[in-house]
Amino acid sequence: MRSRPASMGMVRSLGESYYMSADVSQFEPHDIVLMAYNHNIVIHAEKVLEDGSVSDTFTHKTLLPEDMDPLSVSGTLTPEGMLVVSVMRIPTMGVMEPPTPPAYRSEAHL
């Protein structure tokens, strides 16, 4: 089994969103899972052979700023095999007491 480190750019803030990308070109869309929990984004890909053995894996975990909207996480796979993850920022209304962070987890299979 082969495991590779992430080949990706840094988290970027553009307007009201955060973006990150990962090169998952060695995997089919059904091999890729995008998860979000407690301000973390996790990209996991696993290539499973016909006999059930795993031949290749990829995992990357990124911590995003606290103003991310966990319900807005989305991923787009480009024709070149780059997974682009976008997350909306929660609009701030002046200076307020920091809210208690909610516990959440969501998962999407591409």
N, C-alpha and C. Protein backbone atom coordinates (compact mmCIF):
# COMPACT_ATOMS: atom_id res chain seq x y z
N MET A 1 0.86 -1.18 0.00
CA MET A 1 0.00 0.00 0.00
C MET A 1 0.89 1.23 0.00
N ARG A 2 0.52 2.21 -0.79
CA ARG A 2 1.29 3.44 -0.89
C ARG A 2 0.48 4.57 -0.26
N SER A 3 1.16 5.40 0.52
CA SER A 3 0.51 6.55 1.13
C SER A 3 1.32 7.79 0.80
N ARG A 4 0.65 8.84 0.40
CA ARG A 4 1.33 10.06 -0.02
C ARG A 4 0.96 11.23 0.85
N PRO A 5 1.91 12.16 1.04
CA PRO A 5 1.55 13.41 1.71
C PRO A 5 0.72 14.27 0.78
N ALA A 6 0.09 15.25 1.34
CA ALA A 6 -0.77 16.14 0.56
C ALA A 6 0.04 16.95 -0.44
N SER A 7 -0.52 17.13 -1.62
CA SER A 7 0.06 18.00 -2.63
C SER A 7 -0.97 19.09 -2.87
N MET A 8 -0.85 20.18 -2.14
CA MET A 8 -1.91 21.19 -2.19
C MET A 8 -1.40 22.55 -1.81
N GLY A 9 -2.26 23.52 -2.04
CA GLY A 9 -1.96 24.88 -1.64
C GLY A 9 -2.43 25.15 -0.23
N MET A 10 -2.16 26.33 0.22
CA MET A 10 -2.57 26.74 1.56
C MET A 10 -4.03 27.18 1.55
N VAL A 11 -4.60 27.33 2.74
CA VAL A 11 -5.95 27.86 2.86
C VAL A 11 -5.89 29.34 2.49
N ARG A 12 -6.76 29.74 1.58
CA ARG A 12 -6.80 31.13 1.15
C ARG A 12 -8.15 31.73 1.52
N SER A 13 -8.14 32.99 1.86
CA SER A 13 -9.37 33.72 2.13
C SER A 13 -9.60 34.66 0.96
N LEU A 14 -10.79 34.56 0.37
CA LEU A 14 -11.14 35.41 -0.76
C LEU A 14 -12.57 35.87 -0.56
N GLY A 15 -12.74 37.14 -0.27
CA GLY A 15 -14.08 37.67 -0.02
C GLY A 15 -14.70 37.04 1.21
N GLU A 16 -15.85 36.43 1.03
CA GLU A 16 -16.58 35.83 2.14
C GLU A 16 -16.36 34.33 2.24
N SER A 17 -15.28 33.81 1.62
CA SER A 17 -15.05 32.37 1.61
C SER A 17 -13.60 32.03 1.88
N TYR A 18 -13.40 30.79 2.34
CA TYR A 18 -12.07 30.19 2.44
C TYR A 18 -11.99 29.12 1.36
N TYR A 19 -10.79 28.95 0.79
CA TYR A 19 -10.57 27.95 -0.24
C TYR A 19 -9.30 27.18 0.05
N MET A 20 -9.29 25.91 -0.31
CA MET A 20 -8.08 25.09 -0.29
C MET A 20 -8.20 24.10 -1.43
N SER A 21 -7.09 23.53 -1.84
CA SER A 21 -7.14 22.57 -2.94
C SER A 21 -6.20 21.41 -2.66
N ALA A 22 -6.48 20.28 -3.29
CA ALA A 22 -5.65 19.09 -3.14
C ALA A 22 -5.60 18.35 -4.47
N ASP A 23 -4.43 17.83 -4.81
CA ASP A 23 -4.27 17.04 -6.02
C ASP A 23 -4.66 15.59 -5.70
N VAL A 24 -5.81 15.18 -6.18
CA VAL A 24 -6.29 13.81 -5.98
C VAL A 24 -6.48 13.12 -7.33
N SER A 25 -5.62 13.50 -8.29
CA SER A 25 -5.76 13.02 -9.66
C SER A 25 -5.54 11.51 -9.80
N GLN A 26 -4.92 10.87 -8.82
CA GLN A 26 -4.69 9.43 -8.88
C GLN A 26 -5.91 8.63 -8.45
N PHE A 27 -7.00 9.32 -8.05
CA PHE A 27 -8.17 8.64 -7.52
C PHE A 27 -9.40 8.94 -8.38
N GLU A 28 -10.33 8.01 -8.36
CA GLU A 28 -11.63 8.21 -9.00
C GLU A 28 -12.51 8.99 -8.04
N PRO A 29 -13.51 9.72 -8.54
CA PRO A 29 -14.38 10.49 -7.65
C PRO A 29 -15.01 9.66 -6.53
N HIS A 30 -15.38 8.39 -6.82
CA HIS A 30 -15.99 7.57 -5.78
C HIS A 30 -15.00 7.12 -4.70
N ASP A 31 -13.70 7.35 -4.91
CA ASP A 31 -12.67 7.01 -3.92
C ASP A 31 -12.46 8.13 -2.89
N ILE A 32 -13.05 9.31 -3.12
CA ILE A 32 -12.73 10.51 -2.35
C ILE A 32 -13.85 10.84 -1.37
N VAL A 33 -13.46 11.14 -0.12
CA VAL A 33 -14.42 11.54 0.91
C VAL A 33 -13.96 12.89 1.47
N LEU A 34 -14.88 13.83 1.57
CA LEU A 34 -14.63 15.15 2.14
C LEU A 34 -15.43 15.25 3.44
N MET A 35 -14.74 15.48 4.56
CA MET A 35 -15.40 15.56 5.87
C MET A 35 -15.14 16.91 6.51
N ALA A 36 -16.09 17.36 7.32
CA ALA A 36 -15.93 18.60 8.08
C ALA A 36 -16.40 18.34 9.50
N TYR A 37 -15.57 18.74 10.47
CA TYR A 37 -15.97 18.64 11.87
C TYR A 37 -15.13 19.60 12.71
N ASN A 38 -15.79 20.30 13.63
CA ASN A 38 -15.12 21.20 14.59
C ASN A 38 -14.03 22.05 13.96
N HIS A 39 -14.35 22.76 12.91
CA HIS A 39 -13.44 23.68 12.20
C HIS A 39 -12.33 22.96 11.45
N ASN A 40 -12.45 21.65 11.27
CA ASN A 40 -11.48 20.88 10.50
C ASN A 40 -12.11 20.43 9.19
N ILE A 41 -11.29 20.43 8.15
CA ILE A 41 -11.67 19.85 6.87
C ILE A 41 -10.71 18.68 6.65
N VAL A 42 -11.26 17.51 6.34
CA VAL A 42 -10.44 16.33 6.09
C VAL A 42 -10.78 15.80 4.70
N ILE A 43 -9.73 15.62 3.90
CA ILE A 43 -9.87 14.99 2.60
C ILE A 43 -9.24 13.61 2.72
N HIS A 44 -10.00 12.58 2.41
CA HIS A 44 -9.48 11.21 2.48
C HIS A 44 -9.83 10.50 1.18
N ALA A 45 -8.85 9.87 0.59
CA ALA A 45 -9.07 9.09 -0.63
C ALA A 45 -8.40 7.74 -0.45
N GLU A 46 -9.07 6.72 -0.96
CA GLU A 46 -8.57 5.36 -0.80
C GLU A 46 -8.92 4.57 -2.05
N LYS A 47 -7.89 4.02 -2.70
CA LYS A 47 -8.10 3.21 -3.90
C LYS A 47 -8.15 1.75 -3.47
N VAL A 48 -9.32 1.13 -3.65
CA VAL A 48 -9.54 -0.26 -3.26
C VAL A 48 -9.56 -1.12 -4.52
N LEU A 49 -8.75 -2.17 -4.50
CA LEU A 49 -8.68 -3.08 -5.65
C LEU A 49 -9.86 -4.05 -5.63
N GLU A 50 -10.04 -4.79 -6.72
CA GLU A 50 -11.16 -5.72 -6.83
C GLU A 50 -11.14 -6.78 -5.74
N ASP A 51 -9.94 -7.16 -5.26
CA ASP A 51 -9.86 -8.19 -4.21
C ASP A 51 -10.09 -7.61 -2.81
N GLY A 52 -10.38 -6.30 -2.72
CA GLY A 52 -10.66 -5.67 -1.44
C GLY A 52 -9.46 -5.06 -0.76
N SER A 53 -8.27 -5.26 -1.31
CA SER A 53 -7.07 -4.66 -0.70
C SER A 53 -6.95 -3.19 -1.11
N VAL A 54 -6.30 -2.42 -0.24
CA VAL A 54 -6.11 -0.99 -0.48
C VAL A 54 -4.75 -0.78 -1.12
N SER A 55 -4.72 -0.15 -2.29
CA SER A 55 -3.46 0.03 -3.01
C SER A 55 -2.87 1.42 -2.86
N ASP A 56 -3.69 2.40 -2.47
CA ASP A 56 -3.20 3.77 -2.39
C ASP A 56 -4.12 4.55 -1.46
N THR A 57 -3.54 5.41 -0.63
CA THR A 57 -4.34 6.26 0.24
C THR A 57 -3.81 7.68 0.23
N PHE A 58 -4.68 8.60 0.57
CA PHE A 58 -4.33 10.02 0.67
C PHE A 58 -5.20 10.61 1.77
N THR A 59 -4.59 11.32 2.71
CA THR A 59 -5.35 11.99 3.76
C THR A 59 -4.71 13.34 4.04
N HIS A 60 -5.55 14.35 4.15
CA HIS A 60 -5.07 15.67 4.56
C HIS A 60 -6.11 16.30 5.47
N LYS A 61 -5.64 16.87 6.59
CA LYS A 61 -6.52 17.53 7.55
C LYS A 61 -6.06 18.98 7.69
N THR A 62 -7.01 19.91 7.60
CA THR A 62 -6.72 21.33 7.71
C THR A 62 -7.65 21.96 8.74
N LEU A 63 -7.09 22.77 9.62
CA LEU A 63 -7.88 23.53 10.59
C LEU A 63 -8.19 24.89 9.98
N LEU A 64 -9.48 25.22 9.93
CA LEU A 64 -9.91 26.51 9.39
C LEU A 64 -10.24 27.47 10.52
N PRO A 65 -10.25 28.77 10.23
CA PRO A 65 -10.59 29.77 11.26
C PRO A 65 -11.99 29.54 11.83
N GLU A 66 -12.21 30.08 13.02
CA GLU A 66 -13.47 29.86 13.73
C GLU A 66 -14.67 30.51 13.07
N ASP A 67 -14.46 31.44 12.14
CA ASP A 67 -15.61 32.08 11.50
C ASP A 67 -16.10 31.32 10.26
N MET A 68 -15.70 30.05 10.12
CA MET A 68 -16.19 29.25 9.00
C MET A 68 -17.61 28.78 9.27
N ASP A 69 -18.40 28.65 8.22
CA ASP A 69 -19.77 28.13 8.33
C ASP A 69 -19.73 26.64 7.99
N PRO A 70 -19.84 25.76 8.97
CA PRO A 70 -19.68 24.33 8.71
C PRO A 70 -20.72 23.75 7.77
N LEU A 71 -21.85 24.41 7.64
CA LEU A 71 -22.90 23.90 6.75
C LEU A 71 -22.69 24.30 5.30
N SER A 72 -21.66 25.10 5.02
CA SER A 72 -21.45 25.58 3.66
C SER A 72 -20.27 24.90 2.96
N VAL A 73 -19.70 23.87 3.55
CA VAL A 73 -18.54 23.19 2.96
C VAL A 73 -18.97 22.53 1.65
N SER A 74 -18.20 22.80 0.60
CA SER A 74 -18.47 22.15 -0.68
C SER A 74 -17.15 21.83 -1.38
N GLY A 75 -17.17 20.84 -2.23
CA GLY A 75 -15.98 20.45 -2.97
C GLY A 75 -16.30 20.32 -4.44
N THR A 76 -15.35 20.72 -5.28
CA THR A 76 -15.48 20.61 -6.73
C THR A 76 -14.23 19.91 -7.26
N LEU A 77 -14.42 18.88 -8.04
CA LEU A 77 -13.31 18.16 -8.64
C LEU A 77 -13.12 18.65 -10.07
N THR A 78 -11.93 19.20 -10.36
CA THR A 78 -11.66 19.72 -11.70
C THR A 78 -11.31 18.56 -12.64
N PRO A 79 -11.38 18.79 -13.95
CA PRO A 79 -11.00 17.73 -14.91
C PRO A 79 -9.54 17.28 -14.74
N GLU A 80 -8.69 18.14 -14.18
CA GLU A 80 -7.29 17.80 -13.96
C GLU A 80 -7.07 17.00 -12.68
N GLY A 81 -8.12 16.78 -11.89
CA GLY A 81 -7.98 16.01 -10.66
C GLY A 81 -7.68 16.82 -9.42
N MET A 82 -7.89 18.13 -9.47
CA MET A 82 -7.72 18.97 -8.28
C MET A 82 -9.06 19.06 -7.57
N LEU A 83 -9.07 18.78 -6.27
CA LEU A 83 -10.27 18.96 -5.46
C LEU A 83 -10.18 20.34 -4.84
N VAL A 84 -11.13 21.21 -5.17
CA VAL A 84 -11.17 22.57 -4.63
C VAL A 84 -12.28 22.60 -3.58
N VAL A 85 -11.91 22.90 -2.34
CA VAL A 85 -12.86 22.95 -1.23
C VAL A 85 -13.13 24.40 -0.90
N SER A 86 -14.40 24.76 -0.79
CA SER A 86 -14.75 26.13 -0.41
C SER A 86 -15.65 26.09 0.82
N VAL A 87 -15.47 27.08 1.68
CA VAL A 87 -16.24 27.20 2.92
C VAL A 87 -16.58 28.68 3.10
N MET A 88 -17.85 28.97 3.29
CA MET A 88 -18.27 30.36 3.51
C MET A 88 -17.87 30.81 4.91
N ARG A 89 -17.63 32.10 5.04
CA ARG A 89 -17.37 32.70 6.35
C ARG A 89 -18.68 33.15 6.97
N ILE A 90 -18.77 33.08 8.29
CA ILE A 90 -19.95 33.56 9.00
C ILE A 90 -19.80 35.07 9.12
N PRO A 91 -20.78 35.84 8.64
CA PRO A 91 -20.67 37.30 8.75
C PRO A 91 -20.65 37.73 10.21
N THR A 92 -19.80 38.70 10.51
CA THR A 92 -19.73 39.22 11.88
C THR A 92 -20.47 40.54 11.94
N MET A 93 -21.20 40.74 13.01
CA MET A 93 -21.96 41.97 13.22
C MET A 93 -21.33 42.75 14.37
N GLY A 94 -20.21 43.37 14.11
CA GLY A 94 -19.54 44.13 15.16
C GLY A 94 -18.85 43.22 16.15
N VAL A 95 -18.44 43.78 17.28
CA VAL A 95 -17.75 43.02 18.31
C VAL A 95 -18.78 42.38 19.22
N MET A 96 -18.73 41.08 19.28
CA MET A 96 -19.66 40.34 20.14
C MET A 96 -18.87 39.34 20.96
N GLU A 97 -19.52 38.84 21.99
CA GLU A 97 -18.91 37.80 22.80
C GLU A 97 -18.80 36.54 21.94
N PRO A 98 -17.66 35.85 21.97
CA PRO A 98 -17.52 34.67 21.11
C PRO A 98 -18.54 33.60 21.51
N PRO A 99 -19.23 33.05 20.52
CA PRO A 99 -20.21 32.01 20.82
C PRO A 99 -19.53 30.70 21.18
N THR A 100 -20.25 29.85 21.86
CA THR A 100 -19.74 28.52 22.15
C THR A 100 -19.74 27.74 20.84
N PRO A 101 -18.59 27.19 20.46
CA PRO A 101 -18.55 26.50 19.17
C PRO A 101 -19.42 25.25 19.19
N PRO A 102 -20.23 25.09 18.14
CA PRO A 102 -21.07 23.90 18.07
C PRO A 102 -20.24 22.68 17.69
N ALA A 103 -20.68 21.53 18.13
CA ALA A 103 -20.05 20.28 17.71
C ALA A 103 -20.82 19.79 16.49
N TYR A 104 -20.11 19.44 15.44
CA TYR A 104 -20.77 19.00 14.22
C TYR A 104 -19.85 18.08 13.46
N ARG A 105 -20.42 17.34 12.55
CA ARG A 105 -19.65 16.51 11.62
C ARG A 105 -20.52 16.29 10.39
N SER A 106 -19.94 16.48 9.24
CA SER A 106 -20.63 16.15 8.00
C SER A 106 -19.64 15.46 7.08
N GLU A 107 -20.16 14.67 6.17
CA GLU A 107 -19.30 13.89 5.29
C GLU A 107 -19.96 13.82 3.92
N ALA A 108 -19.15 13.95 2.88
CA ALA A 108 -19.66 13.85 1.51
C ALA A 108 -18.77 12.92 0.71
N HIS A 109 -19.38 11.99 0.03
CA HIS A 109 -18.66 11.11 -0.89
C HIS A 109 -18.85 11.67 -2.28
N LEU A 110 -17.75 11.86 -3.00
CA LEU A 110 -17.83 12.43 -4.35
C LEU A 110 -18.25 11.38 -5.35
